[in-house]
C-alpha atoms as a PDB file:
ATOM      1  CA  MET A   1     104.659-259.269 139.651  1.00  0.00           C
ATOM      2  CA  GLN A   2     107.639-256.917 139.909  1.00  0.00           C
ATOM      3  CA  LYS A   3     107.474-256.237 136.024  1.00  0.00           C
ATOM      4  CA  LEU A   4     103.679-255.752 136.213  1.00  0.00           C
ATOM      5  CA  ARG A   5     104.223-253.055 139.023  1.00  0.00           C
ATOM      6  CA  ARG A   6     106.819-251.252 136.775  1.00  0.00           C
ATOM      7  CA  THR A   7     104.610-251.283 133.735  1.00  0.00           C
ATOM      8  CA  TYR A   8     101.609-249.699 135.995  1.00  0.00           C
ATOM      9  CA  PHE A   9     104.003-247.095 137.340  1.00  0.00           C
ATOM     10  CA  ILE A  10     105.149-246.111 133.894  1.00  0.00           C
ATOM     11  CA  PHE A  11     101.520-245.838 132.647  1.00  0.00           C
ATOM     12  CA  LEU A  12     100.819-243.449 135.745  1.00  0.00           C
ATOM     13  CA  LEU A  13     103.648-241.306 134.556  1.00  0.00           C
ATOM     14  CA  PHE A  14     102.391-240.823 131.271  1.00  0.00           C
ATOM     15  CA  LEU A  15      98.431-239.934 132.330  1.00  0.00           C
ATOM     16  CA  PRO A  16      97.550-236.524 131.204  1.00  0.00           C
ATOM     17  CA  LEU A  17      97.840-233.880 133.835  1.00  0.00           C
ATOM     18  CA  THR A  18      94.196-232.640 133.549  1.00  0.00           C
ATOM     19  CA  ILE A  19      91.854-232.226 136.285  1.00  0.00           C
ATOM     20  CA  THR A  20      88.641-234.145 136.446  1.00  0.00           C
ATOM     21  CA  ALA A  21      85.373-231.932 136.860  1.00  0.00           C
ATOM     22  CA  THR A  22      83.930-232.358 140.547  1.00  0.00           C
ATOM     23  CA  GLY A  23      80.827-230.527 139.570  1.00  0.00           C
ATOM     24  CA  THR A  24      79.985-227.032 140.195  1.00  0.00           C
ATOM     25  CA  LEU A  25      81.432-223.779 140.707  1.00  0.00           C
ATOM     26  CA  ASP A  26      80.409-223.127 144.369  1.00  0.00           C
ATOM     27  CA  VAL A  27      80.194-219.858 146.380  1.00  0.00           C
ATOM     28  CA  TYR A  28      79.668-219.538 150.015  1.00  0.00           C
ATOM     29  CA  TRP A  29      78.881-216.252 151.800  1.00  0.00           C
ATOM     30  CA  VAL A  30      80.055-217.118 155.240  1.00  0.00           C
ATOM     31  CA  ASP A  31      78.473-214.992 158.064  1.00  0.00           C
ATOM     32  CA  VAL A  32      80.862-212.852 159.524  1.00  0.00           C
ATOM     33  CA  GLU A  33      78.408-210.227 160.943  1.00  0.00           C
ATOM     34  CA  GLY A  34      78.662-207.632 158.676  1.00  0.00           C
ATOM     35  CA  GLY A  35      82.037-208.080 157.589  1.00  0.00           C
ATOM     36  CA  ALA A  36      83.040-210.060 154.509  1.00  0.00           C
ATOM     37  CA  ALA A  37      84.126-213.473 153.733  1.00  0.00           C
ATOM     38  CA  THR A  38      83.373-214.979 150.391  1.00  0.00           C
ATOM     39  CA  LEU A  39      84.582-218.679 149.625  1.00  0.00           C
ATOM     40  CA  VAL A  40      84.793-219.831 146.011  1.00  0.00           C
ATOM     41  CA  VAL A  41      85.504-223.438 145.110  1.00  0.00           C
ATOM     42  CA  THR A  42      86.299-223.930 141.433  1.00  0.00           C
ATOM     43  CA  PRO A  43      85.202-227.046 139.445  1.00  0.00           C
ATOM     44  CA  ALA A  44      88.637-228.366 139.852  1.00  0.00           C
ATOM     45  CA  GLY A  45      88.451-228.119 143.588  1.00  0.00           C
ATOM     46  CA  GLU A  46      90.878-225.205 143.992  1.00  0.00           C
ATOM     47  CA  SER A  47      89.629-222.407 146.528  1.00  0.00           C
ATOM     48  CA  LEU A  48      89.638-218.689 146.479  1.00  0.00           C
ATOM     49  CA  LEU A  49      88.506-216.676 149.591  1.00  0.00           C
ATOM     50  CA  VAL A  50      87.791-213.192 149.262  1.00  0.00           C
ATOM     51  CA  ASP A  51      88.255-211.517 152.698  1.00  0.00           C
ATOM     52  CA  THR A  52      88.479-212.954 156.015  1.00  0.00           C
ATOM     53  CA  GLY A  53      86.012-211.025 158.513  1.00  0.00           C
ATOM     54  CA  ASN A  54      86.904-209.563 161.804  1.00  0.00           C
ATOM     55  CA  PRO A  55      89.833-210.082 164.180  1.00  0.00           C
ATOM     56  CA  GLY A  56      89.520-212.812 166.837  1.00  0.00           C
ATOM     57  CA  THR A  57      88.335-216.396 166.956  1.00  0.00           C
ATOM     58  CA  ARG A  58      84.748-216.287 165.830  1.00  0.00           C
ATOM     59  CA  ASP A  59      85.168-215.254 162.202  1.00  0.00           C
ATOM     60  CA  ALA A  60      87.987-217.362 161.423  1.00  0.00           C
ATOM     61  CA  GLY A  61      86.299-220.223 163.016  1.00  0.00           C
ATOM     62  CA  ARG A  62      83.247-219.891 160.924  1.00  0.00           C
ATOM     63  CA  ILE A  63      85.067-219.619 157.856  1.00  0.00           C
ATOM     64  CA  HIS A  64      87.165-222.621 158.619  1.00  0.00           C
ATOM     65  CA  GLN A  65      83.972-224.674 159.410  1.00  0.00           C
ATOM     66  CA  VAL A  66      82.513-223.870 156.042  1.00  0.00           C
ATOM     67  CA  ALA A  67      85.535-224.384 154.335  1.00  0.00           C
ATOM     68  CA  THR A  68      86.387-227.788 155.833  1.00  0.00           C
ATOM     69  CA  LYS A  69      83.198-229.293 156.866  1.00  0.00           C
ATOM     70  CA  VAL A  70      80.838-228.067 154.253  1.00  0.00           C
ATOM     71  CA  ALA A  71      83.114-227.451 151.196  1.00  0.00           C
ATOM     72  CA  GLY A  72      85.522-230.296 152.196  1.00  0.00           C
ATOM     73  CA  LEU A  73      88.739-228.052 151.794  1.00  0.00           C
ATOM     74  CA  LYS A  74      92.172-228.619 153.396  1.00  0.00           C
ATOM     75  CA  LYS A  75      93.626-225.568 152.257  1.00  0.00           C
ATOM     76  CA  ILE A  76      92.799-221.945 150.962  1.00  0.00           C
ATOM     77  CA  ASP A  77      94.624-221.806 147.686  1.00  0.00           C
ATOM     78  CA  HIS A  78      94.161-218.188 147.054  1.00  0.00           C
ATOM     79  CA  LEU A  79      93.299-215.362 149.647  1.00  0.00           C
ATOM     80  CA  ILE A  80      92.004-211.977 148.094  1.00  0.00           C
ATOM     81  CA  THR A  81      92.214-209.090 150.624  1.00  0.00           C
ATOM     82  CA  THR A  82      90.132-206.422 149.102  1.00  0.00           C
ATOM     83  CA  HIS A  83      91.325-203.709 151.306  1.00  0.00           C
ATOM     84  CA  PHE A  84      92.690-203.048 154.727  1.00  0.00           C
ATOM     85  CA  HIS A  85      89.735-202.424 157.088  1.00  0.00           C
ATOM     86  CA  GLY A  86      89.326-204.955 160.094  1.00  0.00           C
ATOM     87  CA  ASP A  87      86.146-206.464 158.992  1.00  0.00           C
ATOM     88  CA  HIS A  88      87.758-207.675 155.725  1.00  0.00           C
ATOM     89  CA  TYR A  89      91.390-208.729 156.757  1.00  0.00           C
ATOM     90  CA  GLY A  90      91.158-208.941 160.455  1.00  0.00           C
ATOM     91  CA  GLY A  91      90.317-212.751 160.441  1.00  0.00           C
ATOM     92  CA  ALA A  92      93.248-213.852 158.120  1.00  0.00           C
ATOM     93  CA  ALA A  93      96.090-214.315 160.672  1.00  0.00           C
ATOM     94  CA  MET A  94      93.723-216.521 163.078  1.00  0.00           C
ATOM     95  CA  LEU A  95      92.549-218.493 159.875  1.00  0.00           C
ATOM     96  CA  ALA A  96      96.251-219.219 158.978  1.00  0.00           C
ATOM     97  CA  ASN A  97      96.839-220.756 162.134  1.00  0.00           C
ATOM     98  CA  LEU A  98      93.669-223.253 161.477  1.00  0.00           C
ATOM     99  CA  MET A  99      94.500-224.188 157.796  1.00  0.00           C
ATOM    100  CA  PRO A 100      97.228-223.580 155.305  1.00  0.00           C
ATOM    101  CA  ILE A 101      97.010-220.599 153.004  1.00  0.00           C
ATOM    102  CA  GLY A 102      98.682-220.507 149.473  1.00  0.00           C
ATOM    103  CA  VAL A 103      98.962-217.113 147.780  1.00  0.00           C
ATOM    104  CA  VAL A 104      98.058-213.979 149.563  1.00  0.00           C
ATOM    105  CA  ASN A 105      96.683-211.400 147.012  1.00  0.00           C
ATOM    106  CA  ASP A 106      96.204-207.729 148.062  1.00  0.00           C
ATOM    107  CA  ASN A 107      97.186-204.177 146.971  1.00  0.00           C
ATOM    108  CA  GLY A 108     100.159-204.395 149.115  1.00  0.00           C
ATOM    109  CA  ILE A 109     100.321-203.949 152.774  1.00  0.00           C
ATOM    110  CA  PRO A 110     100.128-200.155 153.774  1.00  0.00           C
ATOM    111  CA  LYS A 111     103.125-198.869 155.928  1.00  0.00           C
ATOM    112  CA  LYS A 112     100.589-196.654 157.612  1.00  0.00           C
ATOM    113  CA  ASN A 113      96.890-196.201 157.891  1.00  0.00           C
ATOM    114  CA  PRO A 114      95.365-196.124 154.356  1.00  0.00           C
ATOM    115  CA  ASP A 115      92.375-193.996 155.287  1.00  0.00           C
ATOM    116  CA  ARG A 116      93.773-190.380 154.358  1.00  0.00           C
ATOM    117  CA  HIS A 117      90.793-188.832 156.122  1.00  0.00           C
ATOM    118  CA  ARG A 118      91.785-189.928 159.753  1.00  0.00           C
ATOM    119  CA  LYS A 119      94.748-190.773 161.658  1.00  0.00           C
ATOM    120  CA  ASN A 120      95.217-194.318 163.184  1.00  0.00           C
ATOM    121  CA  PRO A 121      98.849-194.348 164.551  1.00  0.00           C
ATOM    122  CA  ILE A 122      98.348-197.823 165.832  1.00  0.00           C
ATOM    123  CA  PHE A 123      97.494-199.196 162.224  1.00  0.00           C
ATOM    124  CA  PRO A 124     100.956-200.776 161.858  1.00  0.00           C
ATOM    125  CA  GLN A 125     100.482-203.052 165.037  1.00  0.00           C
ATOM    126  CA  LEU A 126      97.009-203.839 163.941  1.00  0.00           C
ATOM    127  CA  VAL A 127      98.237-205.103 160.491  1.00  0.00           C
ATOM    128  CA  LYS A 128     101.158-206.853 161.968  1.00  0.00           C
ATOM    129  CA  PRO A 129      99.514-210.232 162.581  1.00  0.00           C
ATOM    130  CA  TYR A 130      98.437-210.126 158.673  1.00  0.00           C
ATOM    131  CA  ARG A 131     101.943-209.164 157.664  1.00  0.00           C
ATOM    132  CA  ASP A 132     103.464-211.761 159.733  1.00  0.00           C
ATOM    133  CA  MET A 133     101.158-214.620 159.064  1.00  0.00           C
ATOM    134  CA  LYS A 134     102.494-217.821 157.355  1.00  0.00           C
ATOM    135  CA  ALA A 135     101.279-218.421 153.631  1.00  0.00           C
ATOM    136  CA  ASP A 136     103.096-219.788 150.600  1.00  0.00           C
ATOM    137  CA  SER A 137     103.584-216.604 148.600  1.00  0.00           C
ATOM    138  CA  ARG A 138     102.389-212.984 148.379  1.00  0.00           C
ATOM    139  CA  ASN A 139     101.093-211.158 145.477  1.00  0.00           C
ATOM    140  CA  VAL A 140     100.052-207.508 144.603  1.00  0.00           C
ATOM    141  CA  VAL A 141      97.273-207.534 142.135  1.00  0.00           C
ATOM    142  CA  LYS A 142      96.673-205.113 139.448  1.00  0.00           C
ATOM    143  CA  PRO A 143      93.711-204.711 137.027  1.00  0.00           C
ATOM    144  CA  GLY A 144      94.098-207.276 134.479  1.00  0.00           C
ATOM    145  CA  TYR A 145      95.630-209.792 136.576  1.00  0.00           C
ATOM    146  CA  VAL A 146      94.347-213.403 135.907  1.00  0.00           C
ATOM    147  CA  PHE A 147      94.697-215.806 138.631  1.00  0.00           C
ATOM    148  CA  PRO A 148      96.543-219.012 137.698  1.00  0.00           C
ATOM    149  CA  LEU A 149      93.702-221.787 138.259  1.00  0.00           C
ATOM    150  CA  LYS A 150      93.241-225.347 136.960  1.00  0.00           C
ATOM    151  CA  GLN A 151      90.900-226.012 134.313  1.00  0.00           C
ATOM    152  CA  ALA A 152      88.510-228.949 135.125  1.00  0.00           C
ATOM    153  CA  LYS A 153      87.977-231.483 132.138  1.00  0.00           C
ATOM    154  CA  GLY A 154      84.202-231.554 131.312  1.00  0.00           C
ATOM    155  CA  ALA A 155      83.645-227.942 132.736  1.00  0.00           C
ATOM    156  CA  ALA A 156      83.330-224.906 130.665  1.00  0.00           C
ATOM    157  CA  LYS A 157      86.330-222.344 130.846  1.00  0.00           C
ATOM    158  CA  LEU A 158      87.018-220.761 134.269  1.00  0.00           C
ATOM    159  CA  LYS A 159      88.447-217.318 134.436  1.00  0.00           C
ATOM    160  CA  VAL A 160      89.188-215.110 137.534  1.00  0.00           C
ATOM    161  CA  THR A 161      90.442-211.606 136.806  1.00  0.00           C
ATOM    162  CA  CYS A 162      91.140-208.480 139.080  1.00  0.00           C
ATOM    163  CA  VAL A 163      89.057-205.822 137.256  1.00  0.00           C
ATOM    164  CA  VAL A 164      89.697-202.998 139.790  1.00  0.00           C
ATOM    165  CA  ALA A 165      92.594-202.337 142.268  1.00  0.00           C
ATOM    166  CA  ASP A 166      93.831-199.314 144.044  1.00  0.00           C
ATOM    167  CA  GLN A 167      91.183-197.160 142.255  1.00  0.00           C
ATOM    168  CA  LYS A 168      92.530-198.330 138.870  1.00  0.00           C
ATOM    169  CA  VAL A 169      90.090-200.096 136.560  1.00  0.00           C
ATOM    170  CA  ILE A 170      90.875-202.843 133.949  1.00  0.00           C
ATOM    171  CA  GLN A 171      90.994-201.537 130.384  1.00  0.00           C
ATOM    172  CA  PRO A 172      89.662-203.352 127.338  1.00  0.00           C
ATOM    173  CA  PRO A 173      92.346-204.734 124.597  1.00  0.00           C
ATOM    174  CA  ALA A 174      93.860-202.087 122.510  1.00  0.00           C
ATOM    175  CA  ASN A 175      92.019-203.510 119.433  1.00  0.00           C
ATOM    176  CA  VAL A 176      88.491-203.235 120.782  1.00  0.00           C
ATOM    177  CA  ARG A 177      86.309-200.068 120.746  1.00  0.00           C
ATOM    178  CA  LEU A 178      83.539-199.755 123.202  1.00  0.00           C
ATOM    179  CA  ALA A 179      80.371-197.738 122.625  1.00  0.00           C
ATOM    180  CA  LYS A 180      79.847-194.806 125.172  1.00  0.00           C
ATOM    181  CA  ASN A 181      77.622-196.042 128.028  1.00  0.00           C
ATOM    182  CA  PRO A 182      74.397-193.871 127.516  1.00  0.00           C
ATOM    183  CA  LEU A 183      74.096-193.600 131.429  1.00  0.00           C
ATOM    184  CA  THR A 184      77.227-191.826 131.762  1.00  0.00           C
ATOM    185  CA  GLY A 185      76.778-188.581 133.912  1.00  0.00           C
ATOM    186  CA  SER A 186      73.151-189.724 134.752  1.00  0.00           C
ATOM    187  CA  VAL A 187      73.771-189.661 138.479  1.00  0.00           C
ATOM    188  CA  PRO A 188      76.186-187.139 140.086  1.00  0.00           C
ATOM    189  CA  ALA A 189      79.404-187.890 141.730  1.00  0.00           C
ATOM    190  CA  LYS A 190      79.977-187.847 145.276  1.00  0.00           C
ATOM    191  CA  PRO A 191      82.858-185.965 147.194  1.00  0.00           C
ATOM    192  CA  GLU A 192      86.215-187.934 146.951  1.00  0.00           C
ATOM    193  CA  ASP A 193      86.125-191.082 149.106  1.00  0.00           C
ATOM    194  CA  LEU A 194      89.212-190.780 151.226  1.00  0.00           C
ATOM    195  CA  SER A 195      88.930-194.231 152.784  1.00  0.00           C
ATOM    196  CA  ASP A 196      90.600-197.391 151.946  1.00  0.00           C
ATOM    197  CA  ASN A 197      87.165-198.591 150.716  1.00  0.00           C
ATOM    198  CA  ALA A 198      87.851-196.696 147.373  1.00  0.00           C
ATOM    199  CA  ASN A 199      90.895-198.830 147.081  1.00  0.00           C
ATOM    200  CA  SER A 200      89.083-201.924 147.219  1.00  0.00           C
ATOM    201  CA  VAL A 201      90.182-205.066 144.756  1.00  0.00           C
ATOM    202  CA  ALA A 202      87.238-206.128 142.636  1.00  0.00           C
ATOM    203  CA  THR A 203      87.254-209.487 141.111  1.00  0.00           C
ATOM    204  CA  LEU A 204      85.254-211.036 138.288  1.00  0.00           C
ATOM    205  CA  PHE A 205      84.595-214.786 138.284  1.00  0.00           C
ATOM    206  CA  GLU A 206      83.766-216.413 135.126  1.00  0.00           C
ATOM    207  CA  LEU A 207      82.641-220.018 134.208  1.00  0.00           C
ATOM    208  CA  GLY A 208      81.712-220.030 130.428  1.00  0.00           C
ATOM    209  CA  ALA A 209      78.895-217.361 130.036  1.00  0.00           C
ATOM    210  CA  PHE A 210      78.345-217.176 133.880  1.00  0.00           C
ATOM    211  CA  ARG A 211      79.703-214.010 135.641  1.00  0.00           C
ATOM    212  CA  PHE A 212      79.919-212.880 139.245  1.00  0.00           C
ATOM    213  CA  LEU A 213      81.329-209.749 140.598  1.00  0.00           C
ATOM    214  CA  ASP A 214      82.784-209.146 144.041  1.00  0.00           C
ATOM    215  CA  GLY A 215      83.901-205.759 144.591  1.00  0.00           C
ATOM    216  CA  GLY A 216      84.798-205.616 148.212  1.00  0.00           C
ATOM    217  CA  ASP A 217      83.910-202.085 149.508  1.00  0.00           C
ATOM    218  CA  LEU A 218      84.169-200.141 146.384  1.00  0.00           C
ATOM    219  CA  THR A 219      82.463-196.707 146.667  1.00  0.00           C
ATOM    220  CA  TRP A 220      80.401-194.569 144.471  1.00  0.00           C
ATOM    221  CA  ASN A 221      82.966-192.705 142.218  1.00  0.00           C
ATOM    222  CA  ILE A 222      85.101-195.772 141.526  1.00  0.00           C
ATOM    223  CA  GLU A 223      81.948-197.817 140.785  1.00  0.00           C
ATOM    224  CA  ALA A 224      81.027-195.228 138.198  1.00  0.00           C
ATOM    225  CA  LYS A 225      84.565-195.335 136.654  1.00  0.00           C
ATOM    226  CA  LEU A 226      84.117-199.045 136.286  1.00  0.00           C
ATOM    227  CA  VAL A 227      81.286-198.597 133.819  1.00  0.00           C
ATOM    228  CA  THR A 228      81.495-194.994 132.545  1.00  0.00           C
ATOM    229  CA  PRO A 229      82.112-193.553 130.059  1.00  0.00           C
ATOM    230  CA  PHE A 230      82.628-196.991 128.920  1.00  0.00           C
ATOM    231  CA  ASN A 231      81.482-200.267 130.602  1.00  0.00           C
ATOM    232  CA  VAL A 232      84.683-202.089 130.513  1.00  0.00           C
ATOM    233  CA  ILE A 233      83.343-205.483 132.088  1.00  0.00           C
ATOM    234  CA  GLY A 234      79.999-205.781 130.602  1.00  0.00           C
ATOM    235  CA  THR A 235      76.831-207.370 132.044  1.00  0.00           C
ATOM    236  CA  ILE A 236      77.092-209.902 134.999  1.00  0.00           C
ATOM    237  CA  ASP A 237      74.655-212.541 136.510  1.00  0.00           C
ATOM    238  CA  VAL A 238      75.374-212.130 140.112  1.00  0.00           C
ATOM    239  CA  TYR A 239      76.284-209.187 142.154  1.00  0.00           C
ATOM    240  CA  GLN A 240      77.652-209.067 145.545  1.00  0.00           C
ATOM    241  CA  VAL A 241      76.351-205.894 147.002  1.00  0.00           C
ATOM    242  CA  ASN A 242      79.189-203.527 147.442  1.00  0.00           C
ATOM    243  CA  HIS A 243      80.225-202.363 150.866  1.00  0.00           C
ATOM    244  CA  HIS A 244      77.551-204.477 152.804  1.00  0.00           C
ATOM    245  CA  GLY A 245      74.736-202.374 151.157  1.00  0.00           C
ATOM    246  CA  LEU A 246      75.840-198.949 152.500  1.00  0.00           C
ATOM    247  CA  ASP A 247      74.739-195.957 150.692  1.00  0.00           C
ATOM    248  CA  SER A 248      78.351-194.730 149.973  1.00  0.00           C
ATOM    249  CA  SER A 249      78.312-197.420 147.547  1.00  0.00           C
ATOM    250  CA  ASN A 250      76.029-199.014 144.980  1.00  0.00           C
ATOM    251  CA  ASN A 251      75.851-196.111 142.573  1.00  0.00           C
ATOM    252  CA  PRO A 252      72.607-196.885 140.207  1.00  0.00           C
ATOM    253  CA  VAL A 253      74.628-196.071 137.078  1.00  0.00           C
ATOM    254  CA  MET A 254      76.971-199.166 137.880  1.00  0.00           C
ATOM    255  CA  ILE A 255      74.226-201.356 138.856  1.00  0.00           C
ATOM    256  CA  ASN A 256      72.087-200.696 136.009  1.00  0.00           C
ATOM    257  CA  SER A 257      75.008-201.017 133.776  1.00  0.00           C
ATOM    258  CA  LEU A 258      76.045-204.475 135.002  1.00  0.00           C
ATOM    259  CA  ALA A 259      72.650-205.562 134.861  1.00  0.00           C
ATOM    260  CA  PRO A 260      72.792-208.402 137.310  1.00  0.00           C
ATOM    261  CA  THR A 261      69.972-210.923 137.860  1.00  0.00           C
ATOM    262  CA  VAL A 262      70.650-211.733 141.376  1.00  0.00           C
ATOM    263  CA  SER A 263      72.294-209.774 144.261  1.00  0.00           C
ATOM    264  CA  VAL A 264      73.647-210.953 147.480  1.00  0.00           C
ATOM    265  CA  MET A 265      74.205-208.822 150.406  1.00  0.00           C
ATOM    266  CA  ASN A 266      76.717-209.565 153.220  1.00  0.00           C
ATOM    267  CA  ASN A 267      75.231-207.392 155.731  1.00  0.00           C
ATOM    268  CA  SER A 268      74.554-207.671 159.544  1.00  0.00           C
ATOM    269  CA  HIS A 269      71.434-207.183 161.617  1.00  0.00           C
ATOM    270  CA  THR A 270      72.340-203.451 162.084  1.00  0.00           C
ATOM    271  CA  LYS A 271      74.869-202.811 159.352  1.00  0.00           C
ATOM    272  CA  GLY A 272      74.060-202.406 155.575  1.00  0.00           C
ATOM    273  CA  CYS A 273      70.650-202.442 153.769  1.00  0.00           C
ATOM    274  CA  GLY A 274      70.954-198.803 153.257  1.00  0.00           C
ATOM    275  CA  ALA A 275      67.686-197.010 151.841  1.00  0.00           C
ATOM    276  CA  GLY A 276      69.858-195.703 148.660  1.00  0.00           C
ATOM    277  CA  SER A 277      71.209-199.094 148.091  1.00  0.00           C
ATOM    278  CA  PHE A 278      68.026-200.783 148.462  1.00  0.00           C
ATOM    279  CA  ALA A 279      66.335-198.319 146.090  1.00  0.00           C
ATOM    280  CA  ALA A 280      69.013-198.723 143.602  1.00  0.00           C
ATOM    281  CA  LEU A 281      68.627-202.691 143.731  1.00  0.00           C
ATOM    282  CA  LYS A 282      64.949-202.299 143.628  1.00  0.00           C
ATOM    283  CA  GLY A 283      65.094-199.880 140.801  1.00  0.00           C
ATOM    284  CA  ALA A 284      67.213-202.131 138.625  1.00  0.00           C
ATOM    285  CA  LYS A 285      64.919-203.987 136.098  1.00  0.00           C
ATOM    286  CA  SER A 286      67.382-206.703 135.587  1.00  0.00           C
ATOM    287  CA  ILE A 287      67.401-207.963 139.229  1.00  0.00           C
ATOM    288  CA  LYS A 288      65.061-210.865 139.704  1.00  0.00           C
ATOM    289  CA  ALA A 289      66.031-211.890 143.262  1.00  0.00           C
ATOM    290  CA  MET A 290      67.862-210.112 146.325  1.00  0.00           C
ATOM    291  CA  TRP A 291      69.369-212.433 149.001  1.00  0.00           C
ATOM    292  CA  GLN A 292      70.814-211.460 152.353  1.00  0.00           C
ATOM    293  CA  VAL A 293      73.006-212.862 154.892  1.00  0.00           C
ATOM    294  CA  HIS A 294      71.411-211.138 157.786  1.00  0.00           C
ATOM    295  CA  LYS A 295      67.845-209.555 158.110  1.00  0.00           C
ATOM    296  CA  ASN A 296      67.773-205.794 158.782  1.00  0.00           C
ATOM    297  CA  LEU A 297      66.576-205.538 162.458  1.00  0.00           C
ATOM    298  CA  ARG A 298      66.881-201.764 162.649  1.00  0.00           C
ATOM    299  CA  LYS A 299      63.550-200.327 163.949  1.00  0.00           C
ATOM    300  CA  LYS A 300      63.665-197.385 161.668  1.00  0.00           C
ATOM    301  CA  ASP A 301      63.677-199.021 158.326  1.00  0.00           C
ATOM    302  CA  PRO A 302      62.579-202.700 158.468  1.00  0.00           C
ATOM    303  CA  GLU A 303      61.186-202.116 155.051  1.00  0.00           C
ATOM    304  CA  ASN A 304      64.550-202.408 153.671  1.00  0.00           C
ATOM    305  CA  ASN A 305      64.647-206.176 153.582  1.00  0.00           C
ATOM    306  CA  THR A 306      64.152-208.926 150.996  1.00  0.00           C
ATOM    307  CA  ILE A 307      61.702-211.852 151.631  1.00  0.00           C
ATOM    308  CA  GLU A 308      62.665-213.963 154.575  1.00  0.00           C
ATOM    309  CA  ASN A 309      63.137-217.032 152.560  1.00  0.00           C
ATOM    310  CA  TYR A 310      66.067-215.273 151.055  1.00  0.00           C
ATOM    311  CA  ILE A 311      67.720-214.307 154.172  1.00  0.00           C
ATOM    312  CA  ALA A 312      70.260-216.708 155.810  1.00  0.00           C
ATOM    313  CA  ASN A 313      69.808-215.269 159.533  1.00  0.00           C
ATOM    314  CA  LEU A 314      66.899-213.611 161.069  1.00  0.00           C
ATOM    315  CA  THR A 315      68.160-212.838 164.560  1.00  0.00           C
ATOM    316  CA  GLU A 316      70.435-210.426 166.318  1.00  0.00           C
ATOM    317  CA  ARG A 317      74.372-211.408 166.690  1.00  0.00           C
ATOM    318  CA  ASP A 318      73.860-212.814 170.245  1.00  0.00           C
ATOM    319  CA  GLY A 319      72.525-216.286 169.643  1.00  0.00           C
ATOM    320  CA  CYS A 320      73.083-216.113 165.883  1.00  0.00           C
ATOM    321  CA  LYS A 321      73.630-219.755 164.139  1.00  0.00           C
ATOM    322  CA  ALA A 322      75.890-218.186 161.379  1.00  0.00           C
ATOM    323  CA  HIS A 323      73.993-219.673 158.582  1.00  0.00           C
ATOM    324  CA  TYR A 324      75.718-219.209 155.215  1.00  0.00           C
ATOM    325  CA  LEU A 325      74.280-218.622 151.807  1.00  0.00           C
ATOM    326  CA  LYS A 326      75.313-220.726 148.722  1.00  0.00           C
ATOM    327  CA  LEU A 327      75.680-220.285 145.035  1.00  0.00           C
ATOM    328  CA  SER A 328      76.236-223.235 142.548  1.00  0.00           C
ATOM    329  CA  VAL A 329      76.983-222.700 139.012  1.00  0.00           C
ATOM    330  CA  ALA A 330      76.576-225.669 136.648  1.00  0.00           C
ATOM    331  CA  ALA A 331      79.565-227.101 135.181  1.00  0.00           C
ATOM    332  CA  ASP A 332      78.613-225.813 131.825  1.00  0.00           C
ATOM    333  CA  GLY A 333      77.921-222.389 133.167  1.00  0.00           C
ATOM    334  CA  ASN A 334      74.486-222.047 131.636  1.00  0.00           C
ATOM    335  CA  THR A 335      72.350-222.137 135.073  1.00  0.00           C
ATOM    336  CA  TYR A 336      73.019-221.237 138.508  1.00  0.00           C
ATOM    337  CA  SER A 337      71.201-221.924 141.814  1.00  0.00           C
ATOM    338  CA  MET A 338      71.048-219.831 144.946  1.00  0.00           C
ATOM    339  CA  SER A 339      70.203-221.765 148.197  1.00  0.00           C
ATOM    340  CA  ASN A 340      69.612-220.914 151.960  1.00  0.00           C
ATOM    341  CA  PRO A 341      70.432-224.033 153.974  1.00  0.00           C
ATOM    342  CA  ARG A 342      68.579-222.325 157.042  1.00  0.00           C
ATOM    343  CA  ASN A 343      65.170-223.280 155.347  1.00  0.00           C
ATOM    344  CA  GLY A 344      66.146-225.481 152.431  1.00  0.00           C
ATOM    345  CA  GLN A 345      65.106-222.452 149.902  1.00  0.00           C
ATOM    346  CA  LYS A 346      66.600-223.155 146.469  1.00  0.00           C
ATOM    347  CA  VAL A 347      66.058-221.162 143.262  1.00  0.00           C
ATOM    348  CA  THR A 348      67.605-221.739 139.825  1.00  0.00           C
ATOM    349  CA  TYR A 349      68.341-219.076 137.234  1.00  0.00           C
ATOM    350  CA  GLN A 350      69.589-219.008 133.782  1.00  0.00           C
ATOM    351  CA  THR A 351      72.599-217.390 132.814  1.00  0.00           C
ATOM    352  CA  LYS A 352      72.333-214.497 130.474  1.00  0.00           C
ATOM    353  CA  LYS A 353      73.098-215.289 126.880  1.00  0.00           C
ATOM    354  CA  ARG A 354      76.328-213.273 125.605  1.00  0.00           C
END
């Protein structure tokens, strides 16, 4: 028996260190009432959380609930903080008290308020919990950075890349020549955005041919920089609507150049769903479906909504049940499904052929 146990132990030592695919690439848009919290779980079971919503217990608790009870996670392996506005980094410290966080990725914590158009002398105190929170390590991301993730046996190749950071855009390899984007200059630039929104980290998630872009709160001119004069990332399948659907973002040149099939807006009942953003999304011939975390309940523009089956939450903040939206990408990357657990709505789409 002793010899048998020893033999079995030696067998285990020489097993290949590959990860067995658990299924899909899953994305959850957690309802943080107009903030941002996008949870991604890879086929190998690793997790990336892009932003953590607002300060306090509510948003961190909602993220923790979806991460542990729905996605079955015990740890956030990679936290990506797109920029330093409270609705994007505010819940991080509280979340770190609820579950372990591995690598914290961001632009580097500013020493003073990163919004250049306004003063905020208490910013160092506001960001202190984020600075002091427990994590395995910290990493300042740059365009072109590829997150070190495990590949799942039986699944298509997974790649997660920072494509924009601190207003700098990823560049194509030196041996690649791109054709000039014909949409270059077709929409005027806006005045320079002096807020930290313009510095947002944008991340491209790829599984096989499937591609999803989370751009945080990227604004108009930086969006144009991503696709003009050259479209440096090509087309995508799913677009997380930048900046909650506010009109200082969602440049139609970018949207039409990226040509997403599906858009997902992490808005609230009064924030986002801007008329200009909605016009850009509706005007994009590639978009087949628009999904929202909240219904726009502003009385002045109720028309700026998608169909209710594609909306996670229909009520105001008070009494909101915080339903999430979910994206599941097949292990081969060839199809993906959007679902609304509130009503059981589920729609499957074909990944673009590239």
